[in-house]
Amino acid sequence: MTNKIIYWTSTILLSLLMCMSAGMYLFNTVMVEGIFKSLGYPTYIIYPLAFAKIVGVLAILTKKSTFLKELAYAGFFFDFILAFSAHIIANDGGHLTALAAMILLVVSYIYDKKVFKKA
C-alpha cells in the first residue's frame, strides 16, 4: 500500500508540473520565449515541447503502451537534465525546479516498476 501511495503522489505531482509547464508554454509564450533565449535554446521548440509534455503525461498515466510510457519517462529525463544544466550555466536559480522534477521523475519511475511489475 505504501508503494502505491508513493507512486501516485510522485506521479501526480510530476504530471501536474508537466501540465503547468505545457500550459505556460502555450498561454504565456512571450515570457517563455524570453526564458528560452536567455538559456540559449531556439524558440521554435516551445510548441513541440508543450505537445510532447502533454502526450508524455498521458502515456505515463494511461499505461496503454509500455513502450510509450518508457519513452515518456526517457523524454522527461532528458528534458530535465538539459533544463538543469542550462539553468546552472545561466546561473538564474531555475535549476532547483529541474532538480525537483528529476527527483519526482526518478521516484515515479522506480515505484512504477515496484507497483506494476509483471509476474
N, C-alpha and C. Protein backbone atom coordinates (compact mmCIF):
# COMPACT_ATOMS: atom_id res chain seq x y z
N MET A 1 0.82 -1.20 0.00
CA MET A 1 0.00 0.00 0.00
C MET A 1 0.87 1.27 0.00
N THR A 2 1.95 1.25 0.78
CA THR A 2 2.85 2.40 0.84
C THR A 2 3.47 2.69 -0.53
N ASN A 3 3.83 1.62 -1.23
CA ASN A 3 4.43 1.80 -2.57
C ASN A 3 3.45 2.49 -3.51
N LYS A 4 2.18 2.13 -3.44
CA LYS A 4 1.18 2.77 -4.30
C LYS A 4 1.01 4.25 -3.96
N ILE A 5 1.02 4.56 -2.68
CA ILE A 5 0.89 5.96 -2.26
C ILE A 5 2.07 6.77 -2.77
N ILE A 6 3.28 6.23 -2.62
CA ILE A 6 4.48 6.93 -3.09
C ILE A 6 4.43 7.09 -4.60
N TYR A 7 4.03 6.01 -5.31
CA TYR A 7 3.95 6.08 -6.76
C TYR A 7 2.97 7.15 -7.20
N TRP A 8 1.74 7.09 -6.70
CA TRP A 8 0.71 8.01 -7.16
C TRP A 8 0.99 9.45 -6.76
N THR A 9 1.56 9.65 -5.58
CA THR A 9 1.90 11.01 -5.16
C THR A 9 2.95 11.61 -6.08
N SER A 10 4.04 10.87 -6.30
CA SER A 10 5.11 11.39 -7.16
C SER A 10 4.65 11.54 -8.60
N THR A 11 3.85 10.61 -9.09
CA THR A 11 3.40 10.65 -10.47
C THR A 11 2.41 11.80 -10.70
N ILE A 12 1.52 12.01 -9.76
CA ILE A 12 0.56 13.12 -9.91
C ILE A 12 1.27 14.46 -9.80
N LEU A 13 2.21 14.59 -8.88
CA LEU A 13 2.98 15.84 -8.78
C LEU A 13 3.79 16.08 -10.06
N LEU A 14 4.41 15.03 -10.58
CA LEU A 14 5.16 15.15 -11.83
C LEU A 14 4.23 15.55 -12.97
N SER A 15 3.07 14.92 -13.04
CA SER A 15 2.10 15.22 -14.10
C SER A 15 1.60 16.66 -14.01
N LEU A 16 1.32 17.11 -12.80
CA LEU A 16 0.88 18.50 -12.61
C LEU A 16 1.96 19.48 -13.04
N LEU A 17 3.20 19.18 -12.67
CA LEU A 17 4.31 20.04 -13.05
C LEU A 17 4.45 20.12 -14.57
N MET A 18 4.33 18.97 -15.25
CA MET A 18 4.45 18.95 -16.70
C MET A 18 3.27 19.66 -17.37
N CYS A 19 2.07 19.48 -16.83
CA CYS A 19 0.90 20.15 -17.41
C CYS A 19 0.96 21.66 -17.19
N MET A 20 1.43 22.08 -16.02
CA MET A 20 1.58 23.52 -15.77
C MET A 20 2.65 24.10 -16.69
N SER A 21 3.72 23.37 -16.90
CA SER A 21 4.78 23.82 -17.80
C SER A 21 4.25 23.92 -19.23
N ALA A 22 3.53 22.90 -19.68
CA ALA A 22 2.96 22.94 -21.04
C ALA A 22 1.97 24.08 -21.16
N GLY A 23 1.17 24.31 -20.14
CA GLY A 23 0.22 25.42 -20.16
C GLY A 23 0.92 26.76 -20.26
N MET A 24 2.00 26.89 -19.52
CA MET A 24 2.77 28.13 -19.58
C MET A 24 3.35 28.32 -20.99
N TYR A 25 3.85 27.24 -21.58
CA TYR A 25 4.40 27.30 -22.94
C TYR A 25 3.33 27.76 -23.93
N LEU A 26 2.10 27.27 -23.75
CA LEU A 26 1.03 27.56 -24.70
C LEU A 26 0.36 28.91 -24.48
N PHE A 27 0.22 29.31 -23.21
CA PHE A 27 -0.57 30.51 -22.90
C PHE A 27 0.24 31.72 -22.46
N ASN A 28 1.54 31.53 -22.25
CA ASN A 28 2.40 32.64 -21.87
C ASN A 28 3.68 32.56 -22.71
N THR A 29 3.49 32.42 -23.99
CA THR A 29 4.59 32.16 -24.92
C THR A 29 5.63 33.27 -24.94
N VAL A 30 5.21 34.51 -24.83
CA VAL A 30 6.16 35.62 -24.89
C VAL A 30 7.17 35.52 -23.74
N MET A 31 6.69 35.23 -22.54
CA MET A 31 7.60 35.09 -21.40
C MET A 31 8.52 33.89 -21.60
N VAL A 32 7.96 32.78 -22.06
CA VAL A 32 8.75 31.57 -22.27
C VAL A 32 9.81 31.80 -23.35
N GLU A 33 9.46 32.54 -24.40
CA GLU A 33 10.45 32.86 -25.44
C GLU A 33 11.64 33.60 -24.83
N GLY A 34 11.38 34.53 -23.93
CA GLY A 34 12.46 35.25 -23.27
C GLY A 34 13.35 34.32 -22.46
N ILE A 35 12.73 33.39 -21.75
CA ILE A 35 13.50 32.43 -20.96
C ILE A 35 14.33 31.54 -21.88
N PHE A 36 13.71 31.03 -22.94
CA PHE A 36 14.43 30.16 -23.87
C PHE A 36 15.62 30.91 -24.49
N LYS A 37 15.41 32.15 -24.86
CA LYS A 37 16.51 32.94 -25.45
C LYS A 37 17.64 33.13 -24.44
N SER A 38 17.30 33.40 -23.18
CA SER A 38 18.33 33.60 -22.17
C SER A 38 19.11 32.32 -21.88
N LEU A 39 18.47 31.19 -22.12
CA LEU A 39 19.14 29.91 -21.89
C LEU A 39 19.86 29.40 -23.14
N GLY A 40 19.68 30.10 -24.25
CA GLY A 40 20.35 29.71 -25.49
C GLY A 40 19.60 28.67 -26.30
N TYR A 41 18.32 28.45 -25.99
CA TYR A 41 17.52 27.50 -26.75
C TYR A 41 16.72 28.22 -27.83
N PRO A 42 16.49 27.56 -28.96
CA PRO A 42 15.66 28.19 -30.00
C PRO A 42 14.19 28.23 -29.57
N THR A 43 13.51 29.28 -29.96
CA THR A 43 12.12 29.44 -29.54
C THR A 43 11.14 28.58 -30.34
N TYR A 44 11.58 28.08 -31.48
CA TYR A 44 10.66 27.27 -32.29
C TYR A 44 10.34 25.91 -31.65
N ILE A 45 11.03 25.53 -30.60
CA ILE A 45 10.75 24.25 -29.95
C ILE A 45 9.70 24.37 -28.83
N ILE A 46 9.22 25.57 -28.58
CA ILE A 46 8.27 25.77 -27.47
C ILE A 46 6.99 24.97 -27.68
N TYR A 47 6.34 25.11 -28.82
CA TYR A 47 5.08 24.39 -29.06
C TYR A 47 5.27 22.88 -29.15
N PRO A 48 6.29 22.38 -29.86
CA PRO A 48 6.50 20.92 -29.85
C PRO A 48 6.79 20.38 -28.45
N LEU A 49 7.53 21.12 -27.63
CA LEU A 49 7.79 20.68 -26.26
C LEU A 49 6.51 20.65 -25.44
N ALA A 50 5.66 21.64 -25.60
CA ALA A 50 4.39 21.65 -24.88
C ALA A 50 3.57 20.42 -25.25
N PHE A 51 3.48 20.14 -26.55
CA PHE A 51 2.74 18.97 -27.02
C PHE A 51 3.36 17.69 -26.46
N ALA A 52 4.69 17.58 -26.50
CA ALA A 52 5.37 16.38 -26.01
C ALA A 52 5.14 16.18 -24.51
N LYS A 53 5.10 17.26 -23.76
CA LYS A 53 4.85 17.13 -22.32
C LYS A 53 3.44 16.61 -22.05
N ILE A 54 2.47 17.11 -22.78
CA ILE A 54 1.09 16.65 -22.59
C ILE A 54 0.96 15.17 -22.98
N VAL A 55 1.52 14.81 -24.11
CA VAL A 55 1.47 13.41 -24.57
C VAL A 55 2.23 12.50 -23.60
N GLY A 56 3.36 12.98 -23.08
CA GLY A 56 4.12 12.20 -22.11
C GLY A 56 3.34 11.92 -20.84
N VAL A 57 2.66 12.93 -20.34
CA VAL A 57 1.81 12.74 -19.16
C VAL A 57 0.73 11.71 -19.45
N LEU A 58 0.09 11.82 -20.59
CA LEU A 58 -0.95 10.85 -20.96
C LEU A 58 -0.39 9.43 -21.05
N ALA A 59 0.80 9.30 -21.63
CA ALA A 59 1.42 7.98 -21.77
C ALA A 59 1.73 7.36 -20.41
N ILE A 60 2.19 8.18 -19.48
CA ILE A 60 2.52 7.66 -18.15
C ILE A 60 1.26 7.31 -17.36
N LEU A 61 0.27 8.16 -17.41
CA LEU A 61 -0.94 7.93 -16.62
C LEU A 61 -1.84 6.83 -17.16
N THR A 62 -1.93 6.71 -18.48
CA THR A 62 -2.85 5.71 -19.04
C THR A 62 -2.25 4.32 -19.11
N LYS A 63 -0.94 4.23 -19.23
CA LYS A 63 -0.24 2.94 -19.32
C LYS A 63 -0.77 2.06 -20.45
N LYS A 64 -1.26 2.68 -21.52
CA LYS A 64 -1.77 1.92 -22.66
C LYS A 64 -0.66 1.16 -23.38
N SER A 65 0.53 1.75 -23.38
CA SER A 65 1.66 1.14 -24.07
C SER A 65 2.90 1.26 -23.20
N THR A 66 3.51 0.12 -22.89
CA THR A 66 4.74 0.13 -22.09
C THR A 66 5.84 0.90 -22.82
N PHE A 67 5.92 0.72 -24.13
CA PHE A 67 6.93 1.42 -24.91
C PHE A 67 6.76 2.94 -24.82
N LEU A 68 5.53 3.42 -24.99
CA LEU A 68 5.28 4.87 -24.93
C LEU A 68 5.52 5.41 -23.52
N LYS A 69 5.17 4.63 -22.51
CA LYS A 69 5.41 5.05 -21.12
C LYS A 69 6.91 5.19 -20.87
N GLU A 70 7.68 4.20 -21.30
CA GLU A 70 9.14 4.26 -21.13
C GLU A 70 9.74 5.42 -21.93
N LEU A 71 9.21 5.65 -23.12
CA LEU A 71 9.66 6.76 -23.95
C LEU A 71 9.37 8.09 -23.27
N ALA A 72 8.21 8.20 -22.64
CA ALA A 72 7.85 9.43 -21.92
C ALA A 72 8.79 9.67 -20.74
N TYR A 73 9.05 8.63 -19.96
CA TYR A 73 10.00 8.77 -18.85
C TYR A 73 11.37 9.21 -19.37
N ALA A 74 11.83 8.60 -20.45
CA ALA A 74 13.14 8.95 -21.02
C ALA A 74 13.13 10.39 -21.53
N GLY A 75 12.07 10.78 -22.22
CA GLY A 75 11.98 12.15 -22.73
C GLY A 75 12.00 13.18 -21.61
N PHE A 76 11.25 12.90 -20.54
CA PHE A 76 11.25 13.81 -19.40
C PHE A 76 12.62 13.86 -18.75
N PHE A 77 13.30 12.70 -18.67
CA PHE A 77 14.64 12.66 -18.10
C PHE A 77 15.58 13.60 -18.85
N PHE A 78 15.59 13.50 -20.18
CA PHE A 78 16.47 14.35 -20.96
C PHE A 78 16.06 15.82 -20.88
N ASP A 79 14.76 16.08 -20.84
CA ASP A 79 14.27 17.45 -20.69
C ASP A 79 14.78 18.06 -19.38
N PHE A 80 14.70 17.30 -18.30
CA PHE A 80 15.12 17.81 -17.00
C PHE A 80 16.63 17.98 -16.91
N ILE A 81 17.38 17.05 -17.49
CA ILE A 81 18.85 17.17 -17.48
C ILE A 81 19.27 18.42 -18.25
N LEU A 82 18.67 18.62 -19.43
CA LEU A 82 19.00 19.80 -20.24
C LEU A 82 18.57 21.09 -19.54
N ALA A 83 17.39 21.08 -18.92
CA ALA A 83 16.93 22.27 -18.20
C ALA A 83 17.85 22.56 -17.02
N PHE A 84 18.21 21.52 -16.28
CA PHE A 84 19.10 21.70 -15.12
C PHE A 84 20.43 22.31 -15.55
N SER A 85 21.05 21.73 -16.57
CA SER A 85 22.37 22.23 -17.00
C SER A 85 22.27 23.64 -17.58
N ALA A 86 21.21 23.93 -18.33
CA ALA A 86 21.05 25.27 -18.89
C ALA A 86 20.88 26.31 -17.79
N HIS A 87 20.09 25.99 -16.78
CA HIS A 87 19.89 26.94 -15.68
C HIS A 87 21.15 27.11 -14.83
N ILE A 88 21.92 26.04 -14.67
CA ILE A 88 23.20 26.15 -13.95
C ILE A 88 24.14 27.09 -14.71
N ILE A 89 24.23 26.90 -16.02
CA ILE A 89 25.11 27.74 -16.84
C ILE A 89 24.65 29.18 -16.82
N ALA A 90 23.32 29.39 -16.90
CA ALA A 90 22.77 30.75 -16.89
C ALA A 90 22.82 31.36 -15.49
N ASN A 91 23.00 30.54 -14.47
CA ASN A 91 23.09 30.99 -13.08
C ASN A 91 21.87 31.84 -12.68
N ASP A 92 20.68 31.32 -13.04
CA ASP A 92 19.45 32.07 -12.77
C ASP A 92 18.59 31.46 -11.67
N GLY A 93 19.05 30.38 -11.05
CA GLY A 93 18.31 29.76 -9.96
C GLY A 93 17.23 28.79 -10.40
N GLY A 94 16.97 28.68 -11.68
CA GLY A 94 15.93 27.79 -12.18
C GLY A 94 16.28 26.32 -12.08
N HIS A 95 17.52 26.04 -11.75
CA HIS A 95 17.95 24.64 -11.68
C HIS A 95 17.24 23.86 -10.57
N LEU A 96 16.77 24.55 -9.55
CA LEU A 96 16.11 23.85 -8.44
C LEU A 96 14.79 23.22 -8.87
N THR A 97 14.07 23.88 -9.74
CA THR A 97 12.82 23.31 -10.26
C THR A 97 13.13 22.07 -11.09
N ALA A 98 14.15 22.14 -11.91
CA ALA A 98 14.54 20.98 -12.72
C ALA A 98 14.99 19.83 -11.82
N LEU A 99 15.70 20.14 -10.75
CA LEU A 99 16.15 19.12 -9.81
C LEU A 99 14.95 18.47 -9.11
N ALA A 100 13.99 19.27 -8.68
CA ALA A 100 12.78 18.73 -8.05
C ALA A 100 12.02 17.85 -9.03
N ALA A 101 11.93 18.28 -10.28
CA ALA A 101 11.25 17.48 -11.31
C ALA A 101 11.98 16.15 -11.52
N MET A 102 13.30 16.19 -11.52
CA MET A 102 14.08 14.97 -11.70
C MET A 102 13.85 14.00 -10.54
N ILE A 103 13.78 14.52 -9.33
CA ILE A 103 13.52 13.66 -8.17
C ILE A 103 12.14 13.01 -8.29
N LEU A 104 11.13 13.80 -8.64
CA LEU A 104 9.79 13.25 -8.83
C LEU A 104 9.79 12.18 -9.93
N LEU A 105 10.51 12.45 -11.00
CA LEU A 105 10.58 11.50 -12.12
C LEU A 105 11.21 10.18 -11.69
N VAL A 106 12.32 10.25 -11.00
CA VAL A 106 13.03 9.03 -10.58
C VAL A 106 12.17 8.24 -9.60
N VAL A 107 11.55 8.91 -8.65
CA VAL A 107 10.69 8.22 -7.68
C VAL A 107 9.51 7.57 -8.39
N SER A 108 8.87 8.32 -9.29
CA SER A 108 7.74 7.77 -10.04
C SER A 108 8.17 6.54 -10.85
N TYR A 109 9.29 6.63 -11.51
CA TYR A 109 9.77 5.52 -12.34
C TYR A 109 10.08 4.29 -11.50
N ILE A 110 10.81 4.47 -10.41
CA ILE A 110 11.18 3.34 -9.55
C ILE A 110 9.93 2.67 -8.97
N TYR A 111 9.01 3.48 -8.50
CA TYR A 111 7.81 2.90 -7.87
C TYR A 111 6.83 2.38 -8.91
N ASP A 112 6.88 2.87 -10.13
CA ASP A 112 6.10 2.27 -11.21
C ASP A 112 6.53 0.81 -11.39
N LYS A 113 7.83 0.60 -11.35
CA LYS A 113 8.36 -0.76 -11.51
C LYS A 113 7.96 -1.65 -10.33
N LYS A 114 7.92 -1.08 -9.12
CA LYS A 114 7.56 -1.87 -7.94
C LYS A 114 6.06 -2.18 -7.91
N VAL A 115 5.24 -1.21 -8.23
CA VAL A 115 3.79 -1.36 -8.09
C VAL A 115 3.20 -2.17 -9.24
N PHE A 116 3.68 -1.94 -10.46
CA PHE A 116 3.07 -2.56 -11.64
C PHE A 116 3.94 -3.64 -12.27
N LYS A 117 4.79 -4.28 -11.47
CA LYS A 117 5.67 -5.32 -12.03
C LYS A 117 4.83 -6.49 -12.55
N LYS A 118 5.30 -7.03 -13.64
CA LYS A 118 4.64 -8.19 -14.26
C LYS A 118 5.11 -9.45 -13.56
N ALA A 119 4.19 -10.31 -13.24
CA ALA A 119 4.54 -11.56 -12.53
C ALA A 119 5.10 -12.58 -13.48
